[in-house]
Each structure stands twice: as structure tokens, then as C-alpha cells.
C-alpha atoms as a PDB file:
ATOM      1  CA  HIS A   1     -66.486 -33.599  -1.713  1.00  0.00           C
ATOM      2  CA  ARG A   2     -64.662 -36.869  -1.121  1.00  0.00           C
ATOM      3  CA  THR A   3     -63.824 -35.770   2.421  1.00  0.00           C
ATOM      4  CA  VAL A   4     -67.488 -34.901   3.100  1.00  0.00           C
ATOM      5  CA  HIS A   5     -68.688 -38.257   1.734  1.00  0.00           C
ATOM      6  CA  ARG A   6     -66.025 -40.116   3.694  1.00  0.00           C
ATOM      7  CA  THR A   7     -67.034 -38.300   6.905  1.00  0.00           C
ATOM      8  CA  ALA A   8     -70.717 -39.050   6.300  1.00  0.00           C
ATOM      9  CA  ARG A   9     -69.942 -42.733   5.780  1.00  0.00           C
ATOM     10  CA  GLN A  10     -67.880 -42.812   8.965  1.00  0.00           C
ATOM     11  CA  VAL A  11     -70.657 -41.184  11.003  1.00  0.00           C
ATOM     12  CA  THR A  12     -73.201 -43.647   9.573  1.00  0.00           C
ATOM     13  CA  MET A  13     -70.957 -46.603  10.362  1.00  0.00           C
ATOM     14  CA  HIS A  14     -70.386 -45.346  13.911  1.00  0.00           C
ATOM     15  CA  ILE A  15     -74.132 -45.003  14.480  1.00  0.00           C
ATOM     16  CA  LEU A  16     -74.783 -48.513  13.117  1.00  0.00           C
ATOM     17  CA  ILE A  17     -72.125 -49.974  15.423  1.00  0.00           C
ATOM     18  CA  ALA A  18     -73.672 -48.084  18.350  1.00  0.00           C
ATOM     19  CA  LEU A  19     -77.141 -49.437  17.495  1.00  0.00           C
ATOM     20  CA  LEU A  20     -75.997 -53.054  17.078  1.00  0.00           C
ATOM     21  CA  PRO A  21     -75.998 -53.823  20.835  1.00  0.00           C
ATOM     22  CA  SER A  22     -79.632 -52.695  21.061  1.00  0.00           C
ATOM     23  CA  LEU A  23     -80.632 -55.193  18.374  1.00  0.00           C
ATOM     24  CA  LEU A  24     -78.700 -58.030  19.979  1.00  0.00           C
ATOM     25  CA  TRP A  25     -79.740 -57.257  23.560  1.00  0.00           C
ATOM     26  CA  GLY A  26     -83.380 -56.887  22.585  1.00  0.00           C
ATOM     27  CA  THR A  27     -83.143 -60.333  20.996  1.00  0.00           C
ATOM     28  CA  MET A  28     -81.454 -61.681  24.117  1.00  0.00           C
ATOM     29  CA  ALA A  29     -84.298 -60.438  26.322  1.00  0.00           C
ATOM     30  CA  LEU A  30     -86.891 -62.075  24.078  1.00  0.00           C
ATOM     31  CA  LEU A  31     -84.994 -65.382  24.124  1.00  0.00           C
ATOM     32  CA  ASN A  32     -85.020 -65.409  27.921  1.00  0.00           C
ATOM     33  CA  ALA A  33     -88.674 -64.381  28.084  1.00  0.00           C
ATOM     34  CA  ALA A  34     -89.764 -66.914  25.450  1.00  0.00           C
ATOM     35  CA  PHE A  35     -88.049 -69.843  27.197  1.00  0.00           C
ATOM     36  CA  PRO A  36     -88.473 -69.260  30.938  1.00  0.00           C
ATOM     37  CA  THR A  37     -86.970 -71.885  33.183  1.00  0.00           C
ATOM     38  CA  ASP A  38     -85.552 -72.371  36.662  1.00  0.00           C
ATOM     39  CA  LEU A  39     -83.821 -69.131  37.717  1.00  0.00           C
ATOM     40  CA  ARG A  40     -80.595 -70.924  38.706  1.00  0.00           C
ATOM     41  CA  ARG A  41     -80.418 -72.789  35.405  1.00  0.00           C
ATOM     42  CA  GLN A  42     -81.224 -69.715  33.323  1.00  0.00           C
ATOM     43  CA  ASN A  43     -78.711 -67.460  35.062  1.00  0.00           C
ATOM     44  CA  THR A  44     -75.927 -70.033  34.999  1.00  0.00           C
ATOM     45  CA  PHE A  45     -76.233 -70.722  31.277  1.00  0.00           C
ATOM     46  CA  VAL A  46     -76.759 -67.093  30.243  1.00  0.00           C
ATOM     47  CA  ILE A  47     -73.650 -66.004  32.124  1.00  0.00           C
ATOM     48  CA  ALA A  48     -71.622 -69.030  30.954  1.00  0.00           C
ATOM     49  CA  GLY A  49     -72.647 -68.457  27.326  1.00  0.00           C
ATOM     50  CA  GLY A  50     -71.545 -64.844  27.552  1.00  0.00           C
ATOM     51  CA  GLY A  51     -68.245 -65.828  29.133  1.00  0.00           C
ATOM     52  CA  ALA A  52     -67.435 -68.534  26.602  1.00  0.00           C
ATOM     53  CA  ALA A  53     -68.279 -66.301  23.632  1.00  0.00           C
ATOM     54  CA  SER A  54     -66.185 -63.451  25.060  1.00  0.00           C
ATOM     55  CA  LEU A  55     -63.158 -65.700  25.463  1.00  0.00           C
ATOM     56  CA  LEU A  56     -63.525 -67.231  22.003  1.00  0.00           C
ATOM     57  CA  THR A  57     -63.847 -63.848  20.264  1.00  0.00           C
ATOM     58  CA  SER A  58     -61.049 -62.187  22.243  1.00  0.00           C
ATOM     59  CA  PRO A  59     -58.248 -63.238  19.817  1.00  0.00           C
ATOM     60  CA  LEU A  60     -60.178 -61.597  16.969  1.00  0.00           C
ATOM     61  CA  THR A  61     -59.942 -58.189  18.676  1.00  0.00           C
ATOM     62  CA  GLY A  62     -56.138 -58.147  18.789  1.00  0.00           C
ATOM     63  CA  ALA A  63     -56.182 -57.887  22.557  1.00  0.00           C
ATOM     64  CA  THR A  64     -53.075 -57.288  24.643  1.00  0.00           C
ATOM     65  CA  TRP A  65     -53.320 -59.135  27.941  1.00  0.00           C
ATOM     66  CA  SER A  66     -51.918 -57.535  31.093  1.00  0.00           C
ATOM     67  CA  LEU A  67     -52.526 -57.737  34.835  1.00  0.00           C
ATOM     68  CA  HIS A  68     -54.240 -54.341  34.629  1.00  0.00           C
ATOM     69  CA  SER A  69     -56.723 -55.345  31.927  1.00  0.00           C
ATOM     70  CA  LEU A  70     -57.205 -58.766  33.521  1.00  0.00           C
ATOM     71  CA  ALA A  71     -58.187 -57.278  36.880  1.00  0.00           C
ATOM     72  CA  TRP A  72     -60.582 -54.661  35.495  1.00  0.00           C
ATOM     73  CA  GLY A  73     -62.027 -56.989  32.871  1.00  0.00           C
ATOM     74  CA  MET A  74     -62.742 -59.734  35.389  1.00  0.00           C
ATOM     75  CA  LEU A  75     -64.370 -57.202  37.716  1.00  0.00           C
ATOM     76  CA  SER A  76     -66.579 -56.056  34.821  1.00  0.00           C
ATOM     77  CA  GLY A  77     -67.617 -59.650  34.156  1.00  0.00           C
ATOM     78  CA  LEU A  78     -68.527 -60.208  37.808  1.00  0.00           C
ATOM     79  CA  LEU A  79     -70.554 -56.973  37.901  1.00  0.00           C
ATOM     80  CA  TRP A  80     -72.472 -58.033  34.805  1.00  0.00           C
ATOM     81  CA  SER A  81     -73.109 -61.471  36.299  1.00  0.00           C
ATOM     82  CA  ILE A  82     -74.756 -59.885  39.340  1.00  0.00           C
ATOM     83  CA  GLY A  83     -76.712 -57.506  37.126  1.00  0.00           C
ATOM     84  CA  ILE A  84     -78.128 -60.291  34.951  1.00  0.00           C
ATOM     85  CA  ILE A  85     -79.315 -62.207  38.014  1.00  0.00           C
ATOM     86  CA  PHE A  86     -81.400 -59.211  39.060  1.00  0.00           C
ATOM     87  CA  LEU A  87     -82.542 -58.603  35.467  1.00  0.00           C
ATOM     88  CA  LEU A  88     -83.862 -62.136  35.022  1.00  0.00           C
ATOM     89  CA  LYS A  89     -85.536 -61.867  38.422  1.00  0.00           C
ATOM     90  CA  GLY A  90     -87.345 -58.809  37.096  1.00  0.00           C
ATOM     91  CA  PHE A  91     -88.415 -60.712  33.969  1.00  0.00           C
ATOM     92  CA  GLN A  92     -89.957 -63.477  36.026  1.00  0.00           C
ATOM     93  CA  THR A  93     -91.545 -61.195  38.632  1.00  0.00           C
ATOM     94  CA  TRP A  94     -93.276 -58.390  36.730  1.00  0.00           C
ATOM     95  CA  GLY A  95     -92.545 -59.099  33.070  1.00  0.00           C
ATOM     96  CA  THR A  96     -90.072 -58.243  30.331  1.00  0.00           C
ATOM     97  CA  SER A  97     -92.098 -55.324  28.967  1.00  0.00           C
ATOM     98  CA  ARG A  98     -91.763 -53.549  32.327  1.00  0.00           C
ATOM     99  CA  THR A  99     -88.252 -54.624  33.288  1.00  0.00           C
ATOM    100  CA  MET A 100     -86.479 -53.647  30.074  1.00  0.00           C
ATOM    101  CA  PRO A 101     -87.753 -50.044  29.770  1.00  0.00           C
ATOM    102  CA  LEU A 102     -86.988 -49.229  33.408  1.00  0.00           C
ATOM    103  CA  THR A 103     -83.527 -50.797  33.499  1.00  0.00           C
ATOM    104  CA  ALA A 104     -82.659 -49.012  30.243  1.00  0.00           C
ATOM    105  CA  ALA A 105     -83.775 -45.652  31.647  1.00  0.00           C
ATOM    106  CA  LEU A 106     -81.820 -46.078  34.869  1.00  0.00           C
ATOM    107  CA  GLN A 107     -78.690 -47.310  33.096  1.00  0.00           C
ATOM    108  CA  LEU A 108     -78.833 -44.287  30.821  1.00  0.00           C
ATOM    109  CA  THR A 109     -79.016 -41.956  33.792  1.00  0.00           C
ATOM    110  CA  LEU A 110     -75.974 -43.503  35.461  1.00  0.00           C
ATOM    111  CA  ASN A 111     -73.901 -43.624  32.286  1.00  0.00           C
ATOM    112  CA  GLY A 112     -74.855 -40.073  31.382  1.00  0.00           C
ATOM    113  CA  LEU A 113     -73.441 -38.967  34.729  1.00  0.00           C
ATOM    114  CA  ILE A 114     -70.269 -40.996  34.169  1.00  0.00           C
ATOM    115  CA  GLY A 115     -69.757 -39.739  30.623  1.00  0.00           C
ATOM    116  CA  VAL A 116     -70.477 -36.081  31.285  1.00  0.00           C
ATOM    117  CA  VAL A 117     -69.204 -35.578  34.848  1.00  0.00           C
ATOM    118  CA  LEU A 118     -66.190 -37.908  34.958  1.00  0.00           C
ATOM    119  CA  LEU A 119     -65.136 -38.182  31.300  1.00  0.00           C
ATOM    120  CA  GLY A 120     -65.848 -34.609  30.179  1.00  0.00           C
ATOM    121  CA  GLU A 121     -68.132 -35.439  27.248  1.00  0.00           C
ATOM    122  CA  TRP A 122     -70.551 -32.996  25.534  1.00  0.00           C
ATOM    123  CA  ARG A 123     -68.340 -29.952  26.074  1.00  0.00           C
ATOM    124  CA  ALA A 124     -68.860 -28.459  22.578  1.00  0.00           C
ATOM    125  CA  PRO A 125     -71.203 -25.439  22.343  1.00  0.00           C
ATOM    126  CA  GLY A 126     -74.825 -26.597  22.509  1.00  0.00           C
ATOM    127  CA  ALA A 127     -73.882 -30.262  22.990  1.00  0.00           C
ATOM    128  CA  MET A 128     -74.742 -30.337  26.695  1.00  0.00           C
ATOM    129  CA  ALA A 129     -78.280 -29.045  26.154  1.00  0.00           C
ATOM    130  CA  LEU A 130     -78.898 -31.480  23.301  1.00  0.00           C
ATOM    131  CA  GLY A 131     -77.420 -34.395  25.234  1.00  0.00           C
ATOM    132  CA  LEU A 132     -79.395 -33.735  28.401  1.00  0.00           C
ATOM    133  CA  GLY A 133     -82.570 -33.322  26.367  1.00  0.00           C
ATOM    134  CA  ALA A 134     -81.850 -36.625  24.624  1.00  0.00           C
ATOM    135  CA  VAL A 135     -81.285 -38.460  27.898  1.00  0.00           C
ATOM    136  CA  ALA A 136     -84.488 -36.966  29.341  1.00  0.00           C
ATOM    137  CA  LEU A 137     -86.530 -38.145  26.359  1.00  0.00           C
ATOM    138  CA  VAL A 138     -85.111 -41.664  26.433  1.00  0.00           C
ATOM    139  CA  ILE A 139     -85.623 -41.915  30.187  1.00  0.00           C
ATOM    140  CA  ALA A 140     -89.223 -40.695  29.862  1.00  0.00           C
ATOM    141  CA  GLY A 141     -89.815 -43.193  27.064  1.00  0.00           C
ATOM    142  CA  GLY A 142     -88.382 -46.055  29.055  1.00  0.00           C
ATOM    143  CA  THR A 143     -90.302 -45.178  32.204  1.00  0.00           C
ATOM    144  CA  ALA A 144     -93.581 -45.041  30.270  1.00  0.00           C
ATOM    145  CA  GLY A 145     -93.248 -48.756  29.568  1.00  0.00           C
ATOM    146  CA  THR A 146     -93.656 -49.608  33.263  1.00  0.00           C
ATOM    147  CA  TRP A 147     -97.047 -47.906  33.659  1.00  0.00           C
ATOM    148  CA  GLN A 148     -99.913 -50.154  34.703  1.00  0.00           C
ATOM    149  CA  GLU A 149    -103.537 -49.123  34.389  1.00  0.00           C
ATOM    150  CA  GLY A 150    -105.510 -49.245  37.627  1.00  0.00           C
ATOM    151  CA  GLY A 151    -107.918 -51.924  36.466  1.00  0.00           C
ATOM    152  CA  GLY A 152    -105.466 -53.635  34.142  1.00  0.00           C
ATOM    153  CA  VAL A 153    -104.401 -57.242  34.192  1.00  0.00           C
ATOM    154  CA  GLY A 154    -100.873 -57.473  35.482  1.00  0.00           C
ATOM    155  CA  PRO A 155     -98.603 -58.183  38.443  1.00  0.00           C
ATOM    156  CA  SER A 156     -99.876 -57.625  41.972  1.00  0.00           C
ATOM    157  CA  PRO A 157     -98.604 -54.643  44.006  1.00  0.00           C
ATOM    158  CA  ARG A 158     -96.214 -56.953  45.847  1.00  0.00           C
ATOM    159  CA  MET A 159     -94.864 -58.375  42.586  1.00  0.00           C
ATOM    160  CA  ARG A 160     -94.479 -54.856  41.208  1.00  0.00           C
ATOM    161  CA  ARG A 161     -92.435 -53.816  44.238  1.00  0.00           C
ATOM    162  CA  THR A 162     -90.213 -56.890  43.974  1.00  0.00           C
ATOM    163  CA  GLY A 163     -89.833 -56.473  40.217  1.00  0.00           C
ATOM    164  CA  ALA A 164     -89.017 -52.772  40.500  1.00  0.00           C
ATOM    165  CA  LEU A 165     -86.397 -53.414  43.186  1.00  0.00           C
ATOM    166  CA  ALA A 166     -84.779 -56.177  41.133  1.00  0.00           C
ATOM    167  CA  THR A 167     -84.786 -53.926  38.053  1.00  0.00           C
ATOM    168  CA  VAL A 168     -83.167 -51.020  39.926  1.00  0.00           C
ATOM    169  CA  CYS A 169     -80.449 -53.350  41.229  1.00  0.00           C
ATOM    170  CA  SER A 170     -79.874 -54.736  37.733  1.00  0.00           C
ATOM    171  CA  ALA A 171     -79.412 -51.232  36.341  1.00  0.00           C
ATOM    172  CA  VAL A 172     -76.784 -50.325  38.935  1.00  0.00           C
ATOM    173  CA  PHE A 173     -74.603 -53.343  38.177  1.00  0.00           C
ATOM    174  CA  LEU A 174     -75.118 -53.362  34.396  1.00  0.00           C
ATOM    175  CA  ALA A 175     -74.482 -49.636  33.992  1.00  0.00           C
ATOM    176  CA  ILE A 176     -71.112 -49.382  35.669  1.00  0.00           C
ATOM    177  CA  TYR A 177     -68.675 -51.408  33.597  1.00  0.00           C
ATOM    178  CA  PRO A 178     -68.418 -49.441  30.266  1.00  0.00           C
ATOM    179  CA  GLY A 179     -67.536 -46.168  31.974  1.00  0.00           C
ATOM    180  CA  MET A 180     -65.402 -47.971  34.556  1.00  0.00           C
ATOM    181  CA  LEU A 181     -63.248 -49.478  31.819  1.00  0.00           C
ATOM    182  CA  ARG A 182     -62.846 -46.044  30.213  1.00  0.00           C
ATOM    183  CA  LEU A 183     -61.821 -44.513  33.548  1.00  0.00           C
ATOM    184  CA  ALA A 184     -59.350 -47.367  34.121  1.00  0.00           C
ATOM    185  CA  HIS A 185     -57.921 -46.843  30.602  1.00  0.00           C
ATOM    186  CA  VAL A 186     -58.677 -50.400  29.516  1.00  0.00           C
ATOM    187  CA  SER A 187     -59.495 -50.610  25.812  1.00  0.00           C
ATOM    188  CA  SER A 188     -62.527 -52.480  24.540  1.00  0.00           C
ATOM    189  CA  ALA A 189     -60.326 -55.073  22.831  1.00  0.00           C
ATOM    190  CA  ASP A 190     -58.265 -55.717  25.963  1.00  0.00           C
ATOM    191  CA  ALA A 191     -61.378 -56.034  28.152  1.00  0.00           C
ATOM    192  CA  VAL A 192     -63.242 -58.736  26.227  1.00  0.00           C
ATOM    193  CA  GLY A 193     -61.139 -61.770  27.176  1.00  0.00           C
ATOM    194  CA  PRO A 194     -60.695 -60.943  30.868  1.00  0.00           C
ATOM    195  CA  MET A 195     -64.390 -60.117  31.067  1.00  0.00           C
ATOM    196  CA  GLY A 196     -65.100 -63.610  29.744  1.00  0.00           C
ATOM    197  CA  ILE A 197     -63.107 -65.083  32.623  1.00  0.00           C
ATOM    198  CA  GLY A 198     -65.059 -62.969  35.089  1.00  0.00           C
ATOM    199  CA  LEU A 199     -68.304 -64.186  33.542  1.00  0.00           C
ATOM    200  CA  LEU A 200     -67.328 -67.847  33.796  1.00  0.00           C
ATOM    201  CA  VAL A 201     -66.434 -67.306  37.444  1.00  0.00           C
ATOM    202  CA  GLY A 202     -69.789 -65.580  37.859  1.00  0.00           C
ATOM    203  CA  ALA A 203     -71.574 -68.553  36.292  1.00  0.00           C
ATOM    204  CA  VAL A 204     -69.960 -70.921  38.799  1.00  0.00           C
ATOM    205  CA  ILE A 205     -70.920 -68.635  41.677  1.00  0.00           C
ATOM    206  CA  ALA A 206     -74.505 -68.329  40.381  1.00  0.00           C
ATOM    207  CA  SER A 207     -74.841 -72.111  40.178  1.00  0.00           C
ATOM    208  CA  CYS A 208     -73.710 -72.393  43.798  1.00  0.00           C
ATOM    209  CA  VAL A 209     -75.575 -69.550  45.509  1.00  0.00           C
ATOM    210  CA  LEU A 210     -78.944 -69.443  43.731  1.00  0.00           C
ATOM    211  CA  PRO A 211     -81.729 -71.705  45.069  1.00  0.00           C
ATOM    212  CA  ASP A 212     -81.275 -75.285  43.866  1.00  0.00           C
ATOM    213  CA  ASN A 213     -84.679 -76.379  42.568  1.00  0.00           C
ATOM    214  CA  GLY A 214     -83.408 -79.068  40.217  1.00  0.00           C
ATOM    215  CA  PRO A 215     -80.503 -80.119  37.987  1.00  0.00           C
ATOM    216  CA  LEU A 216     -78.675 -77.513  35.927  1.00  0.00           C
ATOM    217  CA  ARG A 217     -79.335 -79.421  32.718  1.00  0.00           C
ATOM    218  CA  GLY A 218     -82.919 -79.294  31.574  1.00  0.00           C
ATOM    219  CA  PRO A 219     -85.503 -77.382  29.499  1.00  0.00           C
ATOM    220  CA  GLY A 220     -84.473 -73.837  28.660  1.00  0.00           C
ATOM    221  CA  ALA A 221     -80.738 -74.421  29.080  1.00  0.00           C
ATOM    222  CA  ILE A 222     -79.866 -74.145  25.367  1.00  0.00           C
ATOM    223  CA  PRO A 223     -81.870 -70.920  24.745  1.00  0.00           C
ATOM    224  CA  ALA A 224     -80.251 -69.425  27.859  1.00  0.00           C
ATOM    225  CA  LEU A 225     -76.806 -70.370  26.554  1.00  0.00           C
ATOM    226  CA  LEU A 226     -77.575 -68.837  23.160  1.00  0.00           C
ATOM    227  CA  SER A 227     -78.859 -65.648  24.745  1.00  0.00           C
ATOM    228  CA  GLY A 228     -75.555 -65.342  26.594  1.00  0.00           C
ATOM    229  CA  VAL A 229     -73.673 -65.646  23.304  1.00  0.00           C
ATOM    230  CA  VAL A 230     -75.918 -62.982  21.759  1.00  0.00           C
ATOM    231  CA  TRP A 231     -75.214 -60.706  24.707  1.00  0.00           C
ATOM    232  CA  ALA A 232     -71.442 -61.175  24.369  1.00  0.00           C
ATOM    233  CA  LEU A 233     -71.568 -60.087  20.729  1.00  0.00           C
ATOM    234  CA  GLY A 234     -73.580 -57.036  21.742  1.00  0.00           C
ATOM    235  CA  ASN A 235     -71.111 -56.276  24.517  1.00  0.00           C
ATOM    236  CA  ILE A 236     -68.200 -56.275  22.087  1.00  0.00           C
ATOM    237  CA  ALA A 237     -70.108 -53.836  19.875  1.00  0.00           C
ATOM    238  CA  LEU A 238     -70.911 -51.665  22.913  1.00  0.00           C
ATOM    239  CA  LEU A 239     -67.308 -51.479  24.102  1.00  0.00           C
ATOM    240  CA  ARG A 240     -66.291 -50.601  20.570  1.00  0.00           C
ATOM    241  CA  SER A 241     -68.949 -47.893  20.189  1.00  0.00           C
ATOM    242  CA  THR A 242     -68.197 -46.237  23.556  1.00  0.00           C
ATOM    243  CA  ALA A 243     -64.590 -45.886  22.433  1.00  0.00           C
ATOM    244  CA  ILE A 244     -65.739 -44.225  19.189  1.00  0.00           C
ATOM    245  CA  VAL A 245     -68.729 -42.038  20.108  1.00  0.00           C
ATOM    246  CA  GLY A 246     -68.249 -41.804  23.890  1.00  0.00           C
ATOM    247  CA  VAL A 247     -69.835 -43.509  26.883  1.00  0.00           C
ATOM    248  CA  ALA A 248     -72.942 -41.319  27.082  1.00  0.00           C
ATOM    249  CA  ALA A 249     -73.855 -41.657  23.396  1.00  0.00           C
ATOM    250  CA  GLY A 250     -72.737 -45.260  22.966  1.00  0.00           C
ATOM    251  CA  PHE A 251     -74.670 -46.459  25.981  1.00  0.00           C
ATOM    252  CA  THR A 252     -77.765 -44.477  24.998  1.00  0.00           C
ATOM    253  CA  PHE A 253     -77.874 -46.105  21.565  1.00  0.00           C
ATOM    254  CA  SER A 254     -77.294 -49.560  23.077  1.00  0.00           C
ATOM    255  CA  GLN A 255     -80.210 -49.288  25.477  1.00  0.00           C
ATOM    256  CA  LEU A 256     -82.741 -48.966  22.662  1.00  0.00           C
ATOM    257  CA  GLY A 257     -82.924 -52.745  22.809  1.00  0.00           C
ATOM    258  CA  PHE A 258     -85.804 -52.143  25.193  1.00  0.00           C
ATOM    259  CA  VAL A 259     -87.885 -51.157  22.154  1.00  0.00           C
ATOM    260  CA  ILE A 260     -87.428 -54.607  20.622  1.00  0.00           C
ATOM    261  CA  ALA A 261     -87.860 -56.385  23.956  1.00  0.00           C
ATOM    262  CA  THR A 262     -90.955 -54.416  24.973  1.00  0.00           C
ATOM    263  CA  LEU A 263     -92.834 -54.691  21.684  1.00  0.00           C
ATOM    264  CA  GLY A 264     -91.757 -58.297  21.207  1.00  0.00           C
ATOM    265  CA  SER A 265     -92.913 -59.356  24.650  1.00  0.00           C
ATOM    266  CA  ILE A 266     -96.287 -57.644  24.165  1.00  0.00           C
ATOM    267  CA  PHE A 267     -97.108 -58.598  20.575  1.00  0.00           C
ATOM    268  CA  LEU A 268     -95.134 -61.827  20.071  1.00  0.00           C
ATOM    269  CA  LEU A 269     -95.072 -63.361  23.537  1.00  0.00           C
ATOM    270  CA  LYS A 270     -98.525 -61.974  24.450  1.00  0.00           C
ATOM    271  CA  GLU A 271     -97.525 -60.462  27.777  1.00  0.00           C
ATOM    272  CA  PRO A 272    -100.817 -59.039  29.111  1.00  0.00           C
ATOM    273  CA  ARG A 273    -101.181 -55.256  28.691  1.00  0.00           C
ATOM    274  CA  THR A 274    -104.325 -53.141  28.320  1.00  0.00           C
ATOM    275  CA  ARG A 275    -105.021 -51.007  25.271  1.00  0.00           C
ATOM    276  CA  LYS A 276    -104.217 -47.812  27.188  1.00  0.00           C
ATOM    277  CA  GLU A 277    -100.956 -49.287  28.411  1.00  0.00           C
ATOM    278  CA  ILE A 278     -99.950 -50.193  24.856  1.00  0.00           C
ATOM    279  CA  VAL A 279    -100.707 -46.629  23.718  1.00  0.00           C
ATOM    280  CA  VAL A 280     -98.497 -45.248  26.517  1.00  0.00           C
ATOM    281  CA  VAL A 281     -95.747 -47.706  25.565  1.00  0.00           C
ATOM    282  CA  LEU A 282     -95.871 -46.580  21.920  1.00  0.00           C
ATOM    283  CA  ILE A 283     -95.706 -42.913  22.942  1.00  0.00           C
ATOM    284  CA  GLY A 284     -92.725 -43.748  25.123  1.00  0.00           C
ATOM    285  CA  ILE A 285     -90.953 -45.473  22.250  1.00  0.00           C
ATOM    286  CA  ALA A 286     -91.520 -42.421  20.031  1.00  0.00           C
ATOM    287  CA  ALA A 287     -90.003 -40.204  22.743  1.00  0.00           C
ATOM    288  CA  ALA A 288     -87.000 -42.521  23.058  1.00  0.00           C
ATOM    289  CA  LEU A 289     -86.383 -42.489  19.311  1.00  0.00           C
ATOM    290  CA  ALA A 290     -86.524 -38.683  19.323  1.00  0.00           C
ATOM    291  CA  GLY A 291     -83.929 -38.781  22.075  1.00  0.00           C
ATOM    292  CA  VAL A 292     -81.651 -40.891  19.903  1.00  0.00           C
ATOM    293  CA  VAL A 293     -81.802 -38.267  17.152  1.00  0.00           C
ATOM    294  CA  LEU A 294     -80.822 -35.560  19.635  1.00  0.00           C
ATOM    295  CA  MET A 295     -78.070 -37.786  20.995  1.00  0.00           C
ATOM    296  CA  GLY A 296     -76.616 -38.175  17.525  1.00  0.00           C
ATOM    297  CA  MET A 297     -76.651 -34.399  17.079  1.00  0.00           C
ATOM    298  CA  ALA A 298     -74.937 -33.859  20.445  1.00  0.00           C
ATOM    299  CA  SER A 299     -72.221 -36.409  19.681  1.00  0.00           C
ATOM    300  CA  ALA A 300     -71.552 -34.922  16.259  1.00  0.00           C
ATOM    301  CA  ARG A 301     -70.632 -31.517  17.756  1.00  0.00           C
END
């Protein structure tokens, strides 16, 4: 009985760790949406905040620095820096409640392929069917959030095209690094510090290459910096959870932050959506949550 209780507690703790990034990243998205500012300023401070927090928390993880982990960690930080530039472009072009569901769905697809095809996950009997069904439900739920009613108030067709393209690009860059670190055999603890260096380099590059419409310091800088710190904490939890429950499951749980971001942007930040669109969004969220349950069952096999 003690063994059963201990196992149940471990499974519960693993699931909570896997869900923590979704809470933090949903909060991060709302911070950026609630305090919009110049794209160069916002990107620079978000990326710098993430880099600084990663470096400061690295000693707490017991990391072992090496040239191998430094190279792969810095590359991960640079990939995330590019991804966040496209993500924030999506926020400002067609809205948070459309960007977050779509980027989550696309990231899940890519990481599912990495986890199952390259890392050999979900090989237990019945796990593959459950896992694929879970991914399908979460993807369907995320995609539902982008639907716009024909006569609804929302972005123009041109803005939708630009926002969708930016969101697709964000998903490609943000989805790669967790599985890449697993394939390169770099532990989550060893990746955090080097990733922070890559992020700080990315912040400098962002400040130089993005359109200069004003000084870096100004309104929205502090919320952007805080959102970067929040992301870094979520990233540490994600790297930890992918090492425990696998890339496919860990990343699926982490992407549920779109639930918080989507509902928060609609009901708290008053992003315009019609009644039918809200109903579709709620149905999509229900489908995504059902997918999480299936994902937990697949990972437990």
C-alpha cells in the first residue's frame, strides 16, 4: 500500500510540474498583451528578462558547465529569441486569443513528431493510440481559437494573413529546443545557464535589428522584463518535466497556457470576439483538456 501511495504521489507531482509552465506562460502572454508597447522595446526586455533569470537560477539547478552544454544551450536561447519576436508580432497583428491557440497547436505537432519518431516515446501497448488521440484533441482545441465569424469584429484579411504567418514562424522556433536538447543529451539543469547567455545575446541582436521607433527605455519596459522572468521560470519547469514524463507529454501539458491566455485576453483584456466565436473557443478548450487526460494515460503506460 505504501508503494502504491508513493507512486500516486509521484505521478501527481510529475503532472503538476508539467502543468506549471502552462500557468506561467499563460500569465506571460497576458502581461505582454495587457501592456503593449513598441515591438523593439517589448522584444528586447522580454528576451533580456528571460536571459537574466535563467542565469541567476542556473546555480540552483546544480548545473555542470561544459563546451557541449554551452553550445547547445546558447543555440536554444537564440532559437527562443527568434520565436518570441514572431510571437509578439502575432499578438500585435491579430490578437493574443488567436496567436496563442495556433502556436500551441503547431508546437504540439512538431514536438509530438520529435518525441515519438526520434526519441521512441509511447511504445507501450495502447500508448501510441492514446497519445495520438490526445495530440489531435489538443490541436483541434487550439485551432478552434483562431476561428473568426464572417461578420465578426476582428482583424482584416491582410492582418489575419500576417498574424498567421508570424504565428507559424513562432511555433517552428519555439518548438525545437526541448527535443533538441534531449537529442543532444544535454540535461535540463545544464541547459538553463547557457540558454540564458543565448537569450542575452538574442536581446542585443533584437535591439539592433528591429525597427527603431524610439528609445529602449519607456512605457511597457518593466512589464516586458517581468514577463521574461516569468517565462524563464516556466522554461525551467518545462525542461524538468520533459526529462521526467518525456518530450511529447511534457510539451503537451506546457502548451495549455493558451487556455489562460485565450480566456484572459477575451474576458479580462476585452479582445473583441463574437458570441459564436466565444462558444467555439470554449468547445476548443474542452477538447484540449480532454486531450490532456488522454496524454496522462498514454504517459503512464
